[in-house]
Amino acid sequence: MESSHVHALQSKHDRLEALLHDEMNRPAPNAATIQELKKRKLIIKEELQQA
């Protein structure tokens, strides 16, 4: 059974993935925004691996 912390991290990761997808599909994507979203996703992914 997964903990609520793991579930919360997965939800955050999914939201960041959706934001990243939306940004990348804009007519003029912002490279800095994409980089920041990827960085935040990586941090959450590392937290999930440690959980």
Protein backbone atom coordinates (compact mmCIF):
# COMPACT_ATOMS: atom_id res chain seq x y z
CA MET A 1 0.00 0.00 0.00
CA GLU A 2 1.46 3.36 -0.95
CA SER A 3 1.70 6.17 1.53
CA SER A 4 -0.06 9.49 1.19
CA HIS A 5 3.37 11.15 0.81
CA VAL A 6 4.19 8.99 -2.22
CA HIS A 7 0.74 9.65 -3.67
CA ALA A 8 1.21 13.41 -3.19
CA LEU A 9 4.60 13.29 -4.90
CA GLN A 10 3.15 11.34 -7.83
CA SER A 11 0.35 13.89 -8.15
CA LYS A 12 2.85 16.76 -8.20
CA HIS A 13 4.95 14.93 -10.79
CA ASP A 14 1.86 14.39 -12.97
CA ARG A 15 0.89 18.08 -12.72
CA LEU A 16 4.40 19.15 -13.68
CA GLU A 17 4.33 16.73 -16.62
CA ALA A 18 1.07 18.31 -17.83
CA LEU A 19 2.49 21.82 -17.46
CA LEU A 20 5.63 20.78 -19.32
CA HIS A 21 3.56 19.24 -22.12
CA ASP A 22 1.45 22.41 -22.41
CA GLU A 23 4.52 24.66 -22.47
CA MET A 24 6.30 22.57 -25.09
CA ASN A 25 3.25 22.67 -27.35
CA ARG A 26 2.85 26.45 -27.23
CA PRO A 27 3.63 28.36 -30.43
CA ALA A 28 6.63 29.99 -28.71
CA PRO A 29 7.70 27.81 -25.77
CA ASN A 30 9.74 29.46 -23.02
CA ALA A 31 13.03 27.57 -22.65
CA ALA A 32 13.57 28.81 -19.08
CA THR A 33 10.13 27.59 -18.03
CA ILE A 34 10.75 24.21 -19.64
CA GLN A 35 14.10 23.90 -17.86
CA GLU A 36 12.56 24.81 -14.49
CA LEU A 37 9.70 22.32 -14.91
CA LYS A 38 12.14 19.55 -15.84
CA LYS A 39 14.31 20.38 -12.82
CA ARG A 40 11.29 20.26 -10.48
CA LYS A 41 10.18 16.95 -12.00
CA LEU A 42 13.64 15.47 -11.48
CA ILE A 43 13.68 16.52 -7.82
CA ILE A 44 10.32 14.85 -7.26
CA LYS A 45 11.42 11.73 -9.13
CA GLU A 46 14.47 11.46 -6.86
CA GLU A 47 12.23 11.86 -3.79
CA LEU A 48 9.97 9.09 -5.09
CA GLN A 49 12.92 6.76 -5.52
CA GLN A 50 13.97 7.36 -1.91
CA ALA A 51 10.43 6.86 -0.55
